[in-house]
Amino acid sequence: MKTKYIIGLFLFTFQLVFSQKITGFWYGKLDVQGQTLPLVVHIEKVGNDLKSSFDSPLQGAKGIPIKNTLFENNELKFAAPDLGIIFTGRLNAATIEGTFTQSGLSFPLILTRNEETTVLNRPQTPKPPFNYNSNDVTFKNDTEGNVLAGTIAEPQNFKKNQPILVMITGSGAQNRNEEMFEHQPFWVIADYLAKKGIATLRLDDRGIDGSEKGKADATSADFATDINSAVNYLVKNGYKNIGLIGHSEGGMIAPMVANTNKKVKFLVLLAAPGIPIIELTLDQNKKLAESANLPQAAIDEVLAIKSKTFTYAKRYEGKDFKADFTKYLQENYPNMSAQERVAYIAQMSSPWFQYFIKFNPNDYLSKVKIPVLAVDGSLDLQVSAKENLAGIKNSMTKAGNKNFEIVEFEGLNHLFQTATTGNPSEYGQIEETFSPKVLDKISSWILQLQK
């Protein structure tokens, strides 16, 4: 018995020392299509197991959970199945040399203990002192009861009949500044407008910072109730000239709210959808694939799968999409790996996606008669300017709207940065947060409405 305890103690001590060799922060760089992508991997010991996460600073992603982490015989393996990520590497003294694989594409990756700090210069981020007032506010969603938090940026000597805009972020949970890649575009816009005499209310999305998560599986329709409640909050506090400014999905939500809340007096749509979402999404996938210089055969294969599966989701009227879609994939795409299938099913079966893929912006835009400014960049690969601005124009015409303006800005991407290709891989590398040309257009258009 005594020998058993001694051996057990030895093994425990050995495992502890072994795990200490691998825990901590590891730094590396991926070379993807000629772009350098820094990664930070954090490994810690929890009980007798290893737990890890990683950051991608240039993509504005932090604390991405890794589901499985294993370190045996000097070999590290970790996986994030939802993202299709697998890493396998061997510890050699102070480095881990291995291969990073995502969705079938493999890249060499060497992790070291030496931190190479990625300093991102963001010259447009507002800096004090500020010549306007900023007040943090909270209020409840009138429909669902979740608490929402935000900031009102208000010019000095502001009168309640001057314009104020509720700001609506794009897809994905973001804070009130719509922060990504250490850019804070909504703060940049709010700061600029305040200096022009225009107030804003920018909000944390559900589950971010000061805003409650609210009900599970929220869709764009639920997010629209948040914005509608924000408008009502401003009305209750005496504001009389309320507009909405929405980016991407936020530009889809703005007309939804304007259709139901007559207190909304004008809209500013930034890279907003103007065509059926299924068409927009397929076009987005095509442009992004082409910009990544993938082989044409690979592009055609991916687009064919997306087209058929998106159409399946759009037309689905059954009761158990997840089960039926799983069967559909197994029958029609038997060569799809189990890992890819699980990730794809999770994405496609979410209530948000189910609502989104069936959405047609024209259903709401074609009823909007208040003033509208719609802008986009010619290099936008996510919401193509040509097709979507044309769609918005057609909807405005159908609505009989007499006061709308459509502007395509040359050389700007989906975030309204001056870009080279428009590929999302550039977003974090570009120092400009938001084009001054677009800031000027937004403010001058709003002020012109007041005359």
Protein backbone atom coordinates (compact mmCIF):
# COMPACT_ATOMS: atom_id res chain seq x y z
CA MET A 1 0.00 0.00 0.00
CA LYS A 2 2.81 2.35 0.89
CA THR A 3 4.48 1.74 -2.48
CA LYS A 4 1.20 2.50 -4.24
CA TYR A 5 0.90 5.90 -2.55
CA ILE A 6 4.53 6.78 -3.33
CA ILE A 7 4.06 5.90 -6.99
CA GLY A 8 0.80 7.85 -7.08
CA LEU A 9 2.47 10.90 -5.55
CA PHE A 10 5.32 10.62 -8.06
CA LEU A 11 2.93 10.48 -11.00
CA PHE A 12 0.93 13.47 -9.75
CA THR A 13 4.11 15.54 -9.28
CA PHE A 14 5.37 14.51 -12.71
CA GLN A 15 2.09 15.54 -14.39
CA LEU A 16 2.11 18.88 -12.56
CA VAL A 17 5.64 19.72 -13.69
CA PHE A 18 4.81 18.50 -17.19
CA SER A 19 1.73 20.75 -17.42
CA GLN A 20 3.67 23.74 -16.11
CA LYS A 21 5.90 23.46 -19.18
CA ILE A 22 2.93 24.17 -21.41
CA THR A 23 0.77 26.59 -19.38
CA GLY A 24 0.87 30.33 -19.90
CA PHE A 25 0.84 32.57 -22.97
CA TRP A 26 2.18 31.51 -26.36
CA TYR A 27 2.60 33.83 -29.34
CA GLY A 28 2.72 33.10 -33.06
CA LYS A 29 1.94 34.41 -36.53
CA LEU A 30 -0.04 32.83 -39.34
CA ASP A 31 0.81 33.67 -42.94
CA VAL A 32 -2.55 33.64 -44.72
CA GLN A 33 -2.71 34.65 -48.38
CA GLY A 34 0.26 36.96 -47.91
CA GLN A 35 -1.25 38.53 -44.78
CA THR A 36 0.40 38.12 -41.36
CA LEU A 37 -2.11 37.27 -38.65
CA PRO A 38 -0.82 37.38 -35.04
CA LEU A 39 -2.28 34.85 -32.60
CA VAL A 40 -2.05 34.60 -28.81
CA VAL A 41 -2.80 31.23 -27.16
CA HIS A 42 -3.45 31.09 -23.40
CA ILE A 43 -3.21 27.68 -21.71
CA GLU A 44 -4.06 27.12 -18.05
CA LYS A 45 -4.46 24.15 -15.73
CA VAL A 46 -7.93 23.62 -14.23
CA GLY A 47 -7.95 20.68 -11.84
CA ASN A 48 -6.21 17.87 -13.69
CA ASP A 49 -7.17 19.20 -17.11
CA LEU A 50 -5.87 21.87 -19.46
CA LYS A 51 -8.08 24.72 -20.62
CA SER A 52 -7.17 27.18 -23.34
CA SER A 53 -8.36 30.14 -25.42
CA PHE A 54 -6.84 32.34 -28.07
CA ASP A 55 -6.84 35.94 -29.30
CA SER A 56 -6.57 37.26 -32.83
CA PRO A 57 -5.68 40.95 -32.25
CA LEU A 58 -5.98 42.11 -35.85
CA GLN A 59 -9.46 40.59 -36.06
CA GLY A 60 -10.52 42.16 -32.80
CA ALA A 61 -11.20 38.71 -31.33
CA LYS A 62 -10.30 37.97 -27.71
CA GLY A 63 -10.84 34.98 -25.45
CA ILE A 64 -12.07 32.63 -28.18
CA PRO A 65 -12.68 29.35 -26.32
CA ILE A 66 -10.86 26.18 -27.35
CA LYS A 67 -12.99 23.15 -26.58
CA ASN A 68 -10.37 20.42 -26.33
CA THR A 69 -6.76 20.81 -25.17
CA LEU A 70 -4.41 17.85 -24.73
CA PHE A 71 -0.67 17.74 -23.96
CA GLU A 72 0.99 14.32 -23.99
CA ASN A 73 4.51 13.17 -24.81
CA ASN A 74 5.54 16.74 -25.54
CA GLU A 75 2.79 17.09 -28.17
CA LEU A 76 0.10 19.78 -27.87
CA LYS A 77 -3.27 19.35 -29.53
CA PHE A 78 -6.21 21.69 -29.33
CA ALA A 79 -9.44 22.11 -31.26
CA ALA A 80 -12.27 24.61 -31.64
CA PRO A 81 -14.84 22.54 -33.59
CA ASP A 82 -17.34 25.37 -33.97
CA LEU A 83 -14.71 27.29 -35.95
CA GLY A 84 -13.30 24.25 -37.72
CA ILE A 85 -9.89 24.82 -36.06
CA ILE A 86 -7.32 22.15 -35.15
CA PHE A 87 -3.72 22.67 -34.01
CA THR A 88 -1.10 19.99 -33.50
CA GLY A 89 2.45 20.89 -32.43
CA ARG A 90 5.48 19.55 -30.61
CA LEU A 91 7.18 21.32 -27.73
CA ASN A 92 10.88 21.82 -28.41
CA ALA A 93 12.53 23.68 -25.53
CA ALA A 94 10.96 27.18 -25.78
CA THR A 95 8.91 26.73 -28.96
CA ILE A 96 5.94 24.72 -30.13
CA GLU A 97 6.28 23.90 -33.82
CA GLY A 98 3.14 22.66 -35.51
CA THR A 99 0.31 23.01 -38.01
CA PHE A 100 -2.80 25.18 -37.73
CA THR A 101 -5.75 23.86 -39.74
CA GLN A 102 -9.07 25.57 -40.37
CA SER A 103 -11.81 24.26 -42.64
CA GLY A 104 -9.40 22.05 -44.55
CA LEU A 105 -6.70 24.69 -45.08
CA SER A 106 -3.38 24.12 -43.24
CA PHE A 107 -0.69 26.62 -42.26
CA PRO A 108 2.59 26.21 -40.37
CA LEU A 109 2.53 27.86 -36.95
CA ILE A 110 5.37 28.30 -34.48
CA LEU A 111 4.42 29.41 -30.97
CA THR A 112 6.99 31.02 -28.65
CA ARG A 113 7.04 32.56 -25.19
CA ASN A 114 8.31 35.83 -26.60
CA GLU A 115 5.54 38.38 -26.69
CA GLU A 116 5.50 40.49 -29.83
CA THR A 117 3.08 43.23 -28.94
CA THR A 118 0.85 44.26 -31.81
CA VAL A 119 0.43 48.02 -31.47
CA LEU A 120 -2.56 49.21 -33.47
CA ASN A 121 -2.56 52.91 -34.27
CA ARG A 122 -6.05 54.41 -34.24
CA PRO A 123 -5.58 58.17 -34.75
CA GLN A 124 -9.31 58.94 -35.05
CA THR A 125 -10.25 57.56 -31.62
CA PRO A 126 -11.63 60.58 -29.73
CA LYS A 127 -9.38 62.06 -27.06
CA PRO A 128 -10.27 64.52 -24.27
CA PRO A 129 -11.00 67.26 -23.59
CA PHE A 130 -14.43 67.06 -25.18
CA ASN A 131 -16.49 70.16 -25.95
CA TYR A 132 -19.78 68.29 -25.59
CA ASN A 133 -21.59 66.38 -22.84
CA SER A 134 -21.58 62.57 -22.49
CA ASN A 135 -24.16 60.97 -20.22
CA ASP A 136 -24.52 57.25 -19.57
CA VAL A 137 -28.13 56.06 -19.51
CA THR A 138 -30.08 52.84 -18.91
CA PHE A 139 -33.66 51.91 -19.73
CA LYS A 140 -35.76 48.79 -20.28
CA ASN A 141 -36.98 47.26 -23.50
CA ASP A 142 -40.69 48.11 -23.59
CA THR A 143 -41.57 44.71 -25.07
CA GLU A 144 -39.19 42.17 -23.55
CA GLY A 145 -38.02 43.91 -20.37
CA ASN A 146 -34.25 43.53 -20.85
CA VAL A 147 -32.14 46.44 -19.59
CA LEU A 148 -30.20 48.41 -22.20
CA ALA A 149 -27.24 50.68 -21.50
CA GLY A 150 -25.74 53.43 -23.60
CA THR A 151 -24.32 56.91 -23.87
CA ILE A 152 -25.91 60.13 -25.07
CA ALA A 153 -23.38 62.50 -26.63
CA GLU A 154 -25.00 65.92 -26.64
CA PRO A 155 -23.59 69.25 -27.84
CA GLN A 156 -23.39 72.05 -25.29
CA ASN A 157 -26.50 74.26 -25.16
CA PHE A 158 -28.39 71.50 -26.98
CA LYS A 159 -32.10 72.07 -27.50
CA LYS A 160 -34.51 69.12 -27.61
CA ASN A 161 -35.73 70.07 -31.08
CA GLN A 162 -32.23 69.61 -32.53
CA PRO A 163 -31.49 66.24 -34.21
CA ILE A 164 -30.49 63.17 -32.22
CA LEU A 165 -29.78 59.74 -33.72
CA VAL A 166 -30.06 56.29 -32.19
CA MET A 167 -27.08 54.27 -33.45
CA ILE A 168 -27.60 50.62 -34.49
CA THR A 169 -24.64 48.25 -34.76
CA GLY A 170 -24.05 45.56 -37.37
CA SER A 171 -24.20 41.77 -36.99
CA GLY A 172 -22.71 40.16 -33.91
CA ALA A 173 -22.78 41.40 -30.33
CA GLN A 174 -20.81 44.65 -30.05
CA ASN A 175 -20.42 47.42 -27.51
CA ARG A 176 -21.84 50.91 -27.89
CA ASN A 177 -18.80 52.05 -29.87
CA GLU A 178 -19.23 49.16 -32.37
CA GLU A 179 -15.65 48.28 -31.42
CA MET A 180 -13.73 45.90 -33.68
CA PHE A 181 -10.00 45.57 -34.42
CA GLU A 182 -9.57 48.30 -31.79
CA HIS A 183 -11.47 50.67 -34.08
CA GLN A 184 -14.43 52.43 -32.45
CA PRO A 185 -16.43 53.77 -35.41
CA PHE A 186 -19.60 54.66 -33.51
CA TRP A 187 -17.63 56.75 -31.06
CA VAL A 188 -15.84 58.45 -33.95
CA ILE A 189 -19.19 59.23 -35.59
CA ALA A 190 -20.78 60.41 -32.33
CA ASP A 191 -17.80 62.64 -31.55
CA TYR A 192 -17.87 64.19 -35.03
CA LEU A 193 -21.63 64.79 -35.02
CA ALA A 194 -21.59 66.32 -31.53
CA LYS A 195 -19.10 68.90 -32.75
CA LYS A 196 -21.55 69.71 -35.55
CA GLY A 197 -24.48 70.22 -33.19
CA ILE A 198 -26.01 66.75 -33.63
CA ALA A 199 -26.64 64.42 -30.66
CA THR A 200 -26.47 60.62 -30.62
CA LEU A 201 -27.49 57.70 -28.42
CA ARG A 202 -25.21 54.68 -28.89
CA LEU A 203 -26.06 51.41 -27.17
CA ASP A 204 -24.36 48.24 -25.98
CA ASP A 205 -25.84 45.23 -27.75
CA ARG A 206 -27.58 42.56 -25.70
CA GLY A 207 -25.24 40.74 -23.34
CA ILE A 208 -22.40 43.23 -23.83
CA ASP A 209 -21.06 45.53 -21.10
CA GLY A 210 -24.03 47.29 -19.48
CA SER A 211 -26.87 45.68 -21.46
CA GLU A 212 -28.64 42.54 -20.28
CA LYS A 213 -28.58 39.45 -22.49
CA GLY A 214 -32.34 39.22 -22.68
CA LYS A 215 -34.12 36.16 -24.01
CA ALA A 216 -32.23 33.30 -25.62
CA ASP A 217 -32.02 32.98 -29.41
CA ALA A 218 -32.87 36.60 -30.22
CA THR A 219 -33.35 37.61 -33.87
CA SER A 220 -33.18 40.88 -35.77
CA ALA A 221 -36.86 41.39 -34.92
CA ASP A 222 -35.96 41.30 -31.21
CA PHE A 223 -33.10 43.74 -31.75
CA ALA A 224 -35.60 46.04 -33.47
CA THR A 225 -37.60 46.18 -30.21
CA ASP A 226 -34.44 47.40 -28.43
CA ILE A 227 -34.12 50.28 -30.89
CA ASN A 228 -37.83 51.05 -30.77
CA SER A 229 -37.54 51.26 -26.98
CA ALA A 230 -34.57 53.60 -27.33
CA VAL A 231 -36.69 55.91 -29.48
CA ASN A 232 -39.47 55.81 -26.88
CA TYR A 233 -36.96 56.57 -24.13
CA LEU A 234 -35.82 59.68 -26.00
CA VAL A 235 -39.42 60.77 -26.59
CA LYS A 236 -40.17 60.41 -22.86
CA ASN A 237 -37.19 62.63 -22.14
CA GLY A 238 -38.38 65.40 -24.41
CA TYR A 239 -36.41 64.82 -27.60
CA LYS A 240 -38.45 65.77 -30.64
CA ASN A 241 -36.22 65.30 -33.72
CA ILE A 242 -35.16 61.65 -33.62
CA GLY A 243 -33.38 59.76 -36.39
CA LEU A 244 -31.79 56.34 -36.74
CA ILE A 245 -28.33 55.53 -38.10
CA GLY A 246 -27.68 51.84 -38.75
CA HIS A 247 -24.66 49.98 -40.07
CA SER A 248 -24.99 46.72 -42.03
CA GLU A 249 -27.63 44.65 -40.16
CA GLY A 250 -28.33 47.86 -38.23
CA GLY A 251 -29.28 49.41 -41.57
CA MET A 252 -31.74 46.57 -42.01
CA ILE A 253 -33.25 47.14 -38.56
CA ALA A 254 -33.65 50.92 -38.96
CA PRO A 255 -36.47 50.73 -41.57
CA MET A 256 -38.20 48.05 -39.47
CA VAL A 257 -38.39 50.47 -36.54
CA ALA A 258 -39.29 53.46 -38.72
CA ASN A 259 -42.28 51.52 -40.08
CA THR A 260 -43.77 51.05 -36.62
CA ASN A 261 -42.64 54.13 -34.70
CA LYS A 262 -43.78 57.40 -36.23
CA LYS A 263 -41.54 59.38 -33.86
CA VAL A 264 -38.63 58.50 -36.16
CA LYS A 265 -38.10 61.48 -38.46
CA PHE A 266 -35.17 60.39 -40.71
CA LEU A 267 -32.78 57.49 -41.47
CA VAL A 268 -29.08 57.19 -42.27
CA LEU A 269 -28.25 53.76 -43.72
CA LEU A 270 -24.58 52.70 -43.73
CA ALA A 271 -23.80 49.68 -45.96
CA ALA A 272 -27.37 48.52 -45.46
CA PRO A 273 -29.01 45.56 -47.26
CA GLY A 274 -31.18 46.55 -50.19
CA ILE A 275 -31.76 43.14 -51.81
CA PRO A 276 -33.16 39.86 -50.41
CA ILE A 277 -30.73 38.55 -47.79
CA ILE A 278 -30.28 35.19 -49.50
CA GLU A 279 -29.03 37.02 -52.62
CA LEU A 280 -26.84 39.34 -50.54
CA THR A 281 -25.28 36.43 -48.61
CA LEU A 282 -24.48 34.40 -51.72
CA ASP A 283 -22.96 37.46 -53.39
CA GLN A 284 -20.94 38.13 -50.23
CA ASN A 285 -19.60 34.56 -50.18
CA LYS A 286 -18.66 34.80 -53.86
CA LYS A 287 -16.81 38.11 -53.52
CA LEU A 288 -14.95 37.08 -50.37
CA ALA A 289 -13.89 33.77 -51.91
CA GLU A 290 -12.65 35.51 -55.05
CA SER A 291 -10.74 38.10 -53.03
CA ALA A 292 -8.94 35.28 -51.17
CA ASN A 293 -7.58 34.00 -54.50
CA LEU A 294 -9.02 30.53 -53.99
CA PRO A 295 -9.02 28.16 -56.99
CA GLN A 296 -12.09 28.66 -59.15
CA ALA A 297 -13.10 25.01 -58.75
CA ALA A 298 -13.11 25.44 -54.96
CA ILE A 299 -15.13 28.66 -55.24
CA ASP A 300 -17.69 27.00 -57.50
CA GLU A 301 -18.03 24.02 -55.15
CA VAL A 302 -18.52 26.18 -52.05
CA LEU A 303 -21.02 28.48 -53.77
CA ALA A 304 -23.03 25.53 -55.07
CA ILE A 305 -23.33 24.12 -51.55
CA LYS A 306 -24.21 27.52 -50.08
CA SER A 307 -26.83 28.20 -52.74
CA LYS A 308 -28.60 24.89 -52.19
CA THR A 309 -28.42 24.90 -48.40
CA PHE A 310 -29.43 28.56 -48.05
CA THR A 311 -32.37 27.95 -50.37
CA TYR A 312 -33.32 24.92 -48.26
CA ALA A 313 -33.26 27.08 -45.12
CA LYS A 314 -35.22 29.91 -46.74
CA ARG A 315 -37.99 27.59 -47.92
CA TYR A 316 -38.11 25.37 -44.84
CA GLU A 317 -41.52 25.21 -43.17
CA GLY A 318 -41.13 22.12 -40.99
CA LYS A 319 -40.99 21.84 -37.19
CA ASP A 320 -37.46 20.55 -36.51
CA PHE A 321 -34.98 22.28 -38.79
CA LYS A 322 -31.89 20.92 -37.06
CA ALA A 323 -32.93 17.29 -37.43
CA ASP A 324 -34.22 17.70 -40.97
CA PHE A 325 -31.19 19.71 -42.09
CA THR A 326 -28.82 17.15 -40.58
CA LYS A 327 -30.53 14.45 -42.64
CA TYR A 328 -30.41 16.68 -45.74
CA LEU A 329 -26.64 17.16 -45.41
CA GLN A 330 -25.99 13.48 -44.80
CA GLU A 331 -27.98 12.51 -47.88
CA ASN A 332 -26.71 15.22 -50.23
CA TYR A 333 -23.16 15.83 -48.99
CA PRO A 334 -21.85 12.53 -47.61
CA ASN A 335 -18.23 13.63 -48.12
CA MET A 336 -18.57 16.61 -45.80
CA SER A 337 -16.47 15.95 -42.70
CA ALA A 338 -18.26 15.43 -39.40
CA GLN A 339 -16.54 18.52 -37.99
CA GLU A 340 -17.64 20.74 -40.88
CA ARG A 341 -21.16 19.33 -40.71
CA VAL A 342 -21.53 20.05 -36.98
CA ALA A 343 -20.32 23.65 -37.42
CA TYR A 344 -22.55 24.23 -40.44
CA ILE A 345 -25.64 22.83 -38.73
CA ALA A 346 -25.03 25.01 -35.67
CA GLN A 347 -24.79 28.14 -37.83
CA MET A 348 -27.76 27.38 -40.07
CA SER A 349 -30.13 26.21 -37.33
CA SER A 350 -29.80 29.30 -35.11
CA PRO A 351 -33.04 31.31 -34.85
CA TRP A 352 -31.11 34.45 -35.83
CA PHE A 353 -29.99 32.87 -39.12
CA GLN A 354 -33.41 31.36 -39.78
CA TYR A 355 -34.98 34.82 -39.56
CA PHE A 356 -32.13 36.52 -41.41
CA ILE A 357 -32.00 34.25 -44.48
CA LYS A 358 -35.73 34.75 -45.13
CA PHE A 359 -35.59 38.53 -44.80
CA ASN A 360 -36.32 40.90 -47.69
CA PRO A 361 -35.43 44.57 -46.94
CA ASN A 362 -37.92 45.75 -49.55
CA ASP A 363 -40.77 44.66 -47.28
CA TYR A 364 -39.88 47.59 -45.00
CA LEU A 365 -37.95 50.01 -47.22
CA SER A 366 -40.83 50.23 -49.71
CA LYS A 367 -42.99 51.78 -46.96
CA VAL A 368 -40.51 54.41 -45.76
CA LYS A 369 -41.53 57.97 -46.65
CA ILE A 370 -39.32 59.93 -44.23
CA PRO A 371 -35.96 61.35 -45.45
CA VAL A 372 -33.29 58.68 -46.08
CA LEU A 373 -29.56 58.89 -46.73
CA ALA A 374 -28.07 55.58 -47.91
CA VAL A 375 -24.29 55.29 -48.42
CA ASP A 376 -21.82 52.51 -49.13
CA GLY A 377 -18.26 52.02 -50.34
CA SER A 378 -17.30 50.75 -53.78
CA LEU A 379 -14.95 48.15 -52.19
CA ASP A 380 -17.55 46.71 -49.83
CA LEU A 381 -17.33 42.92 -50.25
CA GLN A 382 -19.90 42.14 -47.55
CA VAL A 383 -22.79 44.32 -48.73
CA SER A 384 -22.06 45.11 -52.34
CA ALA A 385 -22.64 48.81 -53.02
CA LYS A 386 -23.87 48.52 -56.60
CA GLU A 387 -26.59 45.93 -56.00
CA ASN A 388 -27.74 47.04 -52.56
CA LEU A 389 -27.82 50.78 -53.19
CA ALA A 390 -29.78 50.07 -56.36
CA GLY A 391 -32.18 47.95 -54.32
CA ILE A 392 -32.66 50.73 -51.77
CA LYS A 393 -33.26 53.25 -54.56
CA ASN A 394 -35.89 50.98 -56.12
CA SER A 395 -37.63 50.58 -52.75
CA MET A 396 -37.60 54.33 -52.13
CA THR A 397 -39.13 54.91 -55.55
CA LYS A 398 -41.76 52.27 -54.85
CA ALA A 399 -42.56 54.00 -51.54
CA GLY A 400 -43.05 57.31 -53.34
CA ASN A 401 -40.36 58.79 -51.10
CA LYS A 402 -39.59 62.34 -52.24
CA ASN A 403 -36.56 62.93 -50.02
CA PHE A 404 -33.83 60.32 -50.29
CA GLU A 405 -30.21 60.34 -51.41
CA ILE A 406 -28.04 57.42 -52.50
CA VAL A 407 -24.24 57.80 -52.48
CA GLU A 408 -21.49 55.33 -53.38
CA PHE A 409 -18.06 56.36 -52.12
CA GLU A 410 -15.13 55.26 -54.23
CA GLY A 411 -12.40 53.21 -52.56
CA LEU A 412 -14.12 52.54 -49.22
CA ASN A 413 -14.78 49.13 -47.65
CA HIS A 414 -17.64 47.78 -45.53
CA LEU A 415 -16.39 49.71 -42.48
CA PHE A 416 -16.02 52.92 -44.53
CA GLN A 417 -12.24 52.84 -44.38
CA THR A 418 -10.09 53.88 -47.31
CA ALA A 419 -9.00 50.44 -48.54
CA THR A 420 -6.98 48.66 -51.19
CA THR A 421 -9.03 45.51 -51.85
CA GLY A 422 -11.97 45.67 -49.42
CA ASN A 423 -11.12 42.24 -48.02
CA PRO A 424 -11.94 41.90 -44.28
CA SER A 425 -8.30 40.92 -43.69
CA GLU A 426 -7.47 44.63 -44.19
CA TYR A 427 -9.86 45.94 -41.51
CA GLY A 428 -7.43 45.61 -38.62
CA GLN A 429 -4.41 46.75 -40.61
CA ILE A 430 -5.91 50.04 -41.78
CA GLU A 431 -5.32 52.93 -39.35
CA GLU A 432 -8.30 54.97 -40.52
CA THR A 433 -11.45 54.16 -38.55
CA PHE A 434 -14.07 56.00 -40.63
CA SER A 435 -13.69 58.09 -43.77
CA PRO A 436 -13.89 61.86 -43.11
CA LYS A 437 -15.70 62.19 -46.45
CA VAL A 438 -18.58 60.08 -45.17
CA LEU A 439 -18.62 61.85 -41.79
CA ASP A 440 -18.96 65.15 -43.60
CA LYS A 441 -21.73 63.81 -45.84
CA ILE A 442 -23.73 62.47 -42.89
CA SER A 443 -23.54 65.69 -40.90
CA SER A 444 -24.19 68.03 -43.84
CA TRP A 445 -27.20 65.96 -44.97
CA ILE A 446 -28.73 65.95 -41.46
CA LEU A 447 -28.16 69.69 -41.01
CA GLN A 448 -29.68 70.38 -44.43
CA LEU A 449 -32.89 68.68 -43.26
CA GLN A 450 -33.21 71.31 -40.53
CA LYS A 451 -33.36 74.22 -42.97
